[in-house]
């Protein structure tokens, strides 16, 4: 969307790409937990392994962000 130079929206009211990225990681964490449980219930080893990897990767990223070393 284009804006006139004198009518630009305020920068602090806009969602940043970091916010969207963090939201995606949080959603991925919970989806991974759900799919891990589903993999156990359905005895699907591939689903359990891949979704546990998703939980580990999302958890590592969230831990990395929480310690503020990004």
PDB file of N, CA and C in Angstrom:
ATOM      1  N   UNK A   1       0.843  -1.170   0.000  1.00  0.00           N
ATOM      2  CA  UNK A   1       0.000   0.000   0.000  1.00  0.00           C
ATOM      3  C   UNK A   1       0.886   1.229   0.000  1.00  0.00           C
ATOM      4  N   UNK A   2       0.531   2.214  -0.766  1.00  0.00           N
ATOM      5  CA  UNK A   2       1.308   3.439  -0.852  1.00  0.00           C
ATOM      6  C   UNK A   2       0.690   4.520   0.028  1.00  0.00           C
ATOM      7  N   UNK A   3       1.555   5.314   0.623  1.00  0.00           N
ATOM      8  CA  UNK A   3       1.131   6.426   1.451  1.00  0.00           C
ATOM      9  C   UNK A   3       1.751   7.710   0.908  1.00  0.00           C
ATOM     10  N   UNK A   4       1.079   8.789   1.137  1.00  0.00           N
ATOM     11  CA  UNK A   4       1.680  10.086   0.811  1.00  0.00           C
ATOM     12  C   UNK A   4       2.784  10.355   1.826  1.00  0.00           C
ATOM     13  N   UNK A   5       3.762  11.133   1.419  1.00  0.00           N
ATOM     14  CA  UNK A   5       4.884  11.414   2.304  1.00  0.00           C
ATOM     15  C   UNK A   5       4.454  12.123   3.583  1.00  0.00           C
ATOM     16  N   UNK A   6       3.445  12.953   3.506  1.00  0.00           N
ATOM     17  CA  UNK A   6       2.991  13.660   4.691  1.00  0.00           C
ATOM     18  C   UNK A   6       1.946  12.887   5.491  1.00  0.00           C
ATOM     19  N   UNK A   7       1.605  11.691   5.021  1.00  0.00           N
ATOM     20  CA  UNK A   7       0.551  10.921   5.670  1.00  0.00           C
ATOM     21  C   UNK A   7       1.025   9.500   5.997  1.00  0.00           C
ATOM     22  N   UNK A   8       2.290   9.343   6.386  1.00  0.00           N
ATOM     23  CA  UNK A   8       2.842   8.024   6.701  1.00  0.00           C
ATOM     24  C   UNK A   8       2.307   7.551   8.054  1.00  0.00           C
ATOM     25  N   UNK A   9       2.038   6.260   8.192  1.00  0.00           N
ATOM     26  CA  UNK A   9       1.588   5.754   9.496  1.00  0.00           C
ATOM     27  C   UNK A   9       2.740   5.786  10.504  1.00  0.00           C
ATOM     28  N   UNK A  10       2.403   5.821  11.760  1.00  0.00           N
ATOM     29  CA  UNK A  10       3.426   5.861  12.801  1.00  0.00           C
ATOM     30  C   UNK A  10       4.145   4.522  12.872  1.00  0.00           C
ATOM     31  N   UNK A  11       5.440   4.563  13.012  1.00  0.00           N
ATOM     32  CA  UNK A  11       6.249   3.338  13.011  1.00  0.00           C
ATOM     33  C   UNK A  11       5.977   2.481  14.243  1.00  0.00           C
ATOM     34  N   UNK A  12       5.707   3.077  15.389  1.00  0.00           N
ATOM     35  CA  UNK A  12       5.501   2.277  16.599  1.00  0.00           C
ATOM     36  C   UNK A  12       4.164   1.545  16.611  1.00  0.00           C
ATOM     37  N   UNK A  13       3.241   1.903  15.746  1.00  0.00           N
ATOM     38  CA  UNK A  13       1.953   1.230  15.706  1.00  0.00           C
ATOM     39  C   UNK A  13       1.938   0.058  14.729  1.00  0.00           C
ATOM     40  N   UNK A  14       3.028  -0.133  13.984  1.00  0.00           N
ATOM     41  CA  UNK A  14       3.070  -1.191  12.984  1.00  0.00           C
ATOM     42  C   UNK A  14       3.678  -2.463  13.576  1.00  0.00           C
ATOM     43  N   UNK A  15       3.273  -3.576  13.047  1.00  0.00           N
ATOM     44  CA  UNK A  15       3.830  -4.855  13.457  1.00  0.00           C
ATOM     45  C   UNK A  15       5.139  -5.063  12.708  1.00  0.00           C
ATOM     46  N   UNK A  16       6.168  -5.459  13.449  1.00  0.00           N
ATOM     47  CA  UNK A  16       7.473  -5.651  12.817  1.00  0.00           C
ATOM     48  C   UNK A  16       7.637  -7.107  12.379  1.00  0.00           C
ATOM     49  N   UNK A  17       8.632  -7.342  11.577  1.00  0.00           N
ATOM     50  CA  UNK A  17       8.901  -8.712  11.139  1.00  0.00           C
ATOM     51  C   UNK A  17       9.378  -9.574  12.298  1.00  0.00           C
ATOM     52  N   UNK A  18      10.028  -8.959  13.291  1.00  0.00           N
ATOM     53  CA  UNK A  18      10.452  -9.716  14.466  1.00  0.00           C
ATOM     54  C   UNK A  18       9.246 -10.219  15.258  1.00  0.00           C
ATOM     55  N   UNK A  19       8.185  -9.409  15.320  1.00  0.00           N
ATOM     56  CA  UNK A  19       6.970  -9.822  16.011  1.00  0.00           C
ATOM     57  C   UNK A  19       6.316 -11.010  15.305  1.00  0.00           C
ATOM     58  N   UNK A  20       6.260 -10.950  14.001  1.00  0.00           N
ATOM     59  CA  UNK A  20       5.664 -12.036  13.221  1.00  0.00           C
ATOM     60  C   UNK A  20       6.502 -13.301  13.354  1.00  0.00           C
ATOM     61  N   UNK A  21       7.817 -13.150  13.337  1.00  0.00           N
ATOM     62  CA  UNK A  21       8.708 -14.297  13.487  1.00  0.00           C
ATOM     63  C   UNK A  21       8.527 -14.947  14.853  1.00  0.00           C
ATOM     64  N   UNK A  22       8.461 -14.161  15.910  1.00  0.00           N
ATOM     65  CA  UNK A  22       8.260 -14.687  17.256  1.00  0.00           C
ATOM     66  C   UNK A  22       6.913 -15.393  17.369  1.00  0.00           C
ATOM     67  N   UNK A  23       5.875 -14.819  16.802  1.00  0.00           N
ATOM     68  CA  UNK A  23       4.558 -15.445  16.816  1.00  0.00           C
ATOM     69  C   UNK A  23       4.590 -16.798  16.103  1.00  0.00           C
ATOM     70  N   UNK A  24       5.292 -16.865  14.981  1.00  0.00           N
ATOM     71  CA  UNK A  24       5.408 -18.113  14.229  1.00  0.00           C
ATOM     72  C   UNK A  24       6.131 -19.174  15.040  1.00  0.00           C
ATOM     73  N   UNK A  25       7.173 -18.791  15.759  1.00  0.00           N
ATOM     74  CA  UNK A  25       7.922 -19.748  16.571  1.00  0.00           C
ATOM     75  C   UNK A  25       7.070 -20.250  17.728  1.00  0.00           C
ATOM     76  N   UNK A  26       6.316 -19.379  18.348  1.00  0.00           N
ATOM     77  CA  UNK A  26       5.456 -19.794  19.461  1.00  0.00           C
ATOM     78  C   UNK A  26       4.371 -20.760  18.974  1.00  0.00           C
ATOM     79  N   UNK A  27       3.745 -20.438  17.855  1.00  0.00           N
ATOM     80  CA  UNK A  27       2.721 -21.327  17.288  1.00  0.00           C
ATOM     81  C   UNK A  27       3.345 -22.668  16.904  1.00  0.00           C
ATOM     82  N   UNK A  28       4.546 -22.636  16.327  1.00  0.00           N
ATOM     83  CA  UNK A  28       5.237 -23.873  15.941  1.00  0.00           C
ATOM     84  C   UNK A  28       5.542 -24.738  17.157  1.00  0.00           C
ATOM     85  N   UNK A  29       5.891 -24.118  18.262  1.00  0.00           N
ATOM     86  CA  UNK A  29       6.164 -24.855  19.492  1.00  0.00           C
ATOM     87  C   UNK A  29       4.934 -25.645  19.938  1.00  0.00           C
ATOM     88  N   UNK A  30       3.783 -24.988  19.965  1.00  0.00           N
ATOM     89  CA  UNK A  30       2.563 -25.664  20.410  1.00  0.00           C
ATOM     90  C   UNK A  30       2.071 -26.696  19.395  1.00  0.00           C
ATOM     91  N   UNK A  31       2.216 -26.407  18.120  1.00  0.00           N
ATOM     92  CA  UNK A  31       1.856 -27.390  17.097  1.00  0.00           C
ATOM     93  C   UNK A  31       2.757 -28.613  17.213  1.00  0.00           C
ATOM     94  N   UNK A  32       4.051 -28.399  17.476  1.00  0.00           N
ATOM     95  CA  UNK A  32       4.980 -29.506  17.659  1.00  0.00           C
ATOM     96  C   UNK A  32       4.614 -30.381  18.841  1.00  0.00           C
ATOM     97  N   UNK A  33       4.208 -29.765  19.937  1.00  0.00           N
ATOM     98  CA  UNK A  33       3.771 -30.543  21.106  1.00  0.00           C
ATOM     99  C   UNK A  33       2.556 -31.391  20.751  1.00  0.00           C
ATOM    100  N   UNK A  34       1.598 -30.785  20.073  1.00  0.00           N
ATOM    101  CA  UNK A  34       0.391 -31.519  19.689  1.00  0.00           C
ATOM    102  C   UNK A  34       0.720 -32.668  18.739  1.00  0.00           C
ATOM    103  N   UNK A  35       1.564 -32.408  17.749  1.00  0.00           N
ATOM    104  CA  UNK A  35       1.909 -33.456  16.789  1.00  0.00           C
ATOM    105  C   UNK A  35       2.753 -34.559  17.416  1.00  0.00           C
ATOM    106  N   UNK A  36       3.578 -34.211  18.402  1.00  0.00           N
ATOM    107  CA  UNK A  36       4.329 -35.239  19.119  1.00  0.00           C
ATOM    108  C   UNK A  36       3.366 -36.170  19.847  1.00  0.00           C
ATOM    109  N   UNK A  37       2.395 -35.603  20.495  1.00  0.00           N
ATOM    110  CA  UNK A  37       1.386 -36.415  21.186  1.00  0.00           C
ATOM    111  C   UNK A  37       0.622 -37.278  20.184  1.00  0.00           C
ATOM    112  N   UNK A  38       0.256 -36.682  19.049  1.00  0.00           N
ATOM    113  CA  UNK A  38      -0.446 -37.434  18.013  1.00  0.00           C
ATOM    114  C   UNK A  38       0.416 -38.572  17.474  1.00  0.00           C
ATOM    115  N   UNK A  39       1.709 -38.339  17.326  1.00  0.00           N
ATOM    116  CA  UNK A  39       2.616 -39.381  16.860  1.00  0.00           C
ATOM    117  C   UNK A  39       2.705 -40.536  17.833  1.00  0.00           C
ATOM    118  N   UNK A  40       2.729 -40.235  19.126  1.00  0.00           N
ATOM    119  CA  UNK A  40       2.728 -41.296  20.132  1.00  0.00           C
ATOM    120  C   UNK A  40       1.426 -42.096  20.091  1.00  0.00           C
ATOM    121  N   UNK A  41       0.317 -41.379  19.985  1.00  0.00           N
ATOM    122  CA  UNK A  41      -0.979 -42.050  19.975  1.00  0.00           C
ATOM    123  C   UNK A  41      -1.157 -42.938  18.746  1.00  0.00           C
ATOM    124  N   UNK A  42      -0.685 -42.476  17.606  1.00  0.00           N
ATOM    125  CA  UNK A  42      -0.846 -43.223  16.372  1.00  0.00           C
ATOM    126  C   UNK A  42       0.306 -44.166  16.067  1.00  0.00           C
ATOM    127  N   UNK A  43       1.288 -44.207  16.976  1.00  0.00           N
ATOM    128  CA  UNK A  43       2.470 -45.059  16.800  1.00  0.00           C
ATOM    129  C   UNK A  43       3.167 -44.780  15.472  1.00  0.00           C
ATOM    130  N   UNK A  44       3.263 -43.508  15.155  1.00  0.00           N
ATOM    131  CA  UNK A  44       3.957 -43.066  13.948  1.00  0.00           C
ATOM    132  C   UNK A  44       5.300 -42.485  14.365  1.00  0.00           C
ATOM    133  N   UNK A  45       6.351 -43.251  14.165  1.00  0.00           N
ATOM    134  CA  UNK A  45       7.670 -42.839  14.628  1.00  0.00           C
ATOM    135  C   UNK A  45       8.147 -41.595  13.881  1.00  0.00           C
ATOM    136  N   UNK A  46       7.916 -41.541  12.572  1.00  0.00           N
ATOM    137  CA  UNK A  46       8.384 -40.390  11.794  1.00  0.00           C
ATOM    138  C   UNK A  46       7.737 -39.101  12.274  1.00  0.00           C
ATOM    139  N   UNK A  47       6.446 -39.152  12.599  1.00  0.00           N
ATOM    140  CA  UNK A  47       5.748 -37.959  13.068  1.00  0.00           C
ATOM    141  C   UNK A  47       6.257 -37.550  14.445  1.00  0.00           C
ATOM    142  N   UNK A  48       6.514 -38.520  15.294  1.00  0.00           N
ATOM    143  CA  UNK A  48       7.033 -38.237  16.626  1.00  0.00           C
ATOM    144  C   UNK A  48       8.412 -37.591  16.546  1.00  0.00           C
ATOM    145  N   UNK A  49       9.265 -38.137  15.693  1.00  0.00           N
ATOM    146  CA  UNK A  49      10.628 -37.610  15.582  1.00  0.00           C
ATOM    147  C   UNK A  49      10.638 -36.200  14.994  1.00  0.00           C
ATOM    148  N   UNK A  50       9.924 -36.004  13.901  1.00  0.00           N
ATOM    149  CA  UNK A  50       9.923 -34.684  13.262  1.00  0.00           C
ATOM    150  C   UNK A  50       9.280 -33.627  14.142  1.00  0.00           C
ATOM    151  N   UNK A  51       8.180 -33.962  14.807  1.00  0.00           N
ATOM    152  CA  UNK A  51       7.525 -32.959  15.645  1.00  0.00           C
ATOM    153  C   UNK A  51       8.311 -32.717  16.932  1.00  0.00           C
ATOM    154  N   UNK A  52       9.011 -33.729  17.448  1.00  0.00           N
ATOM    155  CA  UNK A  52       9.890 -33.491  18.596  1.00  0.00           C
ATOM    156  C   UNK A  52      11.039 -32.584  18.183  1.00  0.00           C
ATOM    157  N   UNK A  53      11.506 -32.730  16.961  1.00  0.00           N
ATOM    158  CA  UNK A  53      12.521 -31.816  16.445  1.00  0.00           C
ATOM    159  C   UNK A  53      12.001 -30.396  16.323  1.00  0.00           C
ATOM    160  N   UNK A  54      10.748 -30.257  15.931  1.00  0.00           N
ATOM    161  CA  UNK A  54      10.131 -28.939  15.849  1.00  0.00           C
ATOM    162  C   UNK A  54      10.030 -28.306  17.233  1.00  0.00           C
ATOM    163  N   UNK A  55       9.649 -29.104  18.224  1.00  0.00           N
ATOM    164  CA  UNK A  55       9.574 -28.596  19.599  1.00  0.00           C
ATOM    165  C   UNK A  55      10.960 -28.187  20.084  1.00  0.00           C
ATOM    166  N   UNK A  56      11.969 -29.006  19.793  1.00  0.00           N
ATOM    167  CA  UNK A  56      13.336 -28.699  20.231  1.00  0.00           C
ATOM    168  C   UNK A  56      13.854 -27.420  19.558  1.00  0.00           C
ATOM    169  N   UNK A  57      13.639 -27.303  18.260  1.00  0.00           N
ATOM    170  CA  UNK A  57      14.122 -26.121  17.547  1.00  0.00           C
ATOM    171  C   UNK A  57      13.395 -24.858  18.015  1.00  0.00           C
ATOM    172  N   UNK A  58      12.079 -24.957  18.177  1.00  0.00           N
ATOM    173  CA  UNK A  58      11.312 -23.793  18.638  1.00  0.00           C
ATOM    174  C   UNK A  58      11.691 -23.432  20.069  1.00  0.00           C
ATOM    175  N   UNK A  59      11.850 -24.443  20.908  1.00  0.00           N
ATOM    176  CA  UNK A  59      12.249 -24.191  22.293  1.00  0.00           C
ATOM    177  C   UNK A  59      13.632 -23.583  22.393  1.00  0.00           C
ATOM    178  N   UNK A  60      14.554 -24.054  21.551  1.00  0.00           N
ATOM    179  CA  UNK A  60      15.902 -23.491  21.544  1.00  0.00           C
ATOM    180  C   UNK A  60      15.861 -22.030  21.115  1.00  0.00           C
ATOM    181  N   UNK A  61      15.066 -21.731  20.099  1.00  0.00           N
ATOM    182  CA  UNK A  61      14.968 -20.346  19.642  1.00  0.00           C
ATOM    183  C   UNK A  61      14.345 -19.461  20.719  1.00  0.00           C
ATOM    184  N   UNK A  62      13.279 -19.947  21.357  1.00  0.00           N
ATOM    185  CA  UNK A  62      12.646 -19.152  22.412  1.00  0.00           C
ATOM    186  C   UNK A  62      13.589 -18.950  23.591  1.00  0.00           C
ATOM    187  N   UNK A  63      14.368 -19.973  23.927  1.00  0.00           N
ATOM    188  CA  UNK A  63      15.365 -19.829  24.981  1.00  0.00           C
ATOM    189  C   UNK A  63      16.442 -18.836  24.591  1.00  0.00           C
ATOM    190  N   UNK A  64      16.839 -18.866  23.340  1.00  0.00           N
ATOM    191  CA  UNK A  64      17.840 -17.947  22.824  1.00  0.00           C
ATOM    192  C   UNK A  64      17.336 -16.510  22.919  1.00  0.00           C
ATOM    193  N   UNK A  65      16.083 -16.314  22.593  1.00  0.00           N
ATOM    194  CA  UNK A  65      15.480 -14.971  22.670  1.00  0.00           C
ATOM    195  C   UNK A  65      15.321 -14.547  24.136  1.00  0.00           C
ATOM    196  N   UNK A  66      14.930 -15.487  25.006  1.00  0.00           N
ATOM    197  CA  UNK A  66      14.702 -15.148  26.411  1.00  0.00           C
ATOM    198  C   UNK A  66      15.984 -14.687  27.108  1.00  0.00           C
ATOM    199  N   UNK A  67      17.094 -15.253  26.714  1.00  0.00           N
ATOM    200  CA  UNK A  67      18.371 -14.850  27.327  1.00  0.00           C
ATOM    201  C   UNK A  67      18.895 -13.571  26.699  1.00  0.00           C
ATOM    202  N   UNK A  68      18.270 -13.120  25.636  1.00  0.00           N
ATOM    203  CA  UNK A  68      18.643 -11.842  25.040  1.00  0.00           C
ATOM    204  C   UNK A  68      19.972 -11.846  24.307  1.00  0.00           C
ATOM    205  N   UNK A  69      20.353 -12.990  23.786  1.00  0.00           N
ATOM    206  CA  UNK A  69      21.647 -13.073  23.097  1.00  0.00           C
ATOM    207  C   UNK A  69      21.471 -13.196  21.587  1.00  0.00           C
ATOM    208  N   UNK A  70      20.385 -12.731  21.070  1.00  0.00           N
ATOM    209  CA  UNK A  70      20.185 -12.819  19.625  1.00  0.00           C
ATOM    210  C   UNK A  70      20.808 -11.628  19.031  1.00  0.00           C
TER     211      UNK A  70
END
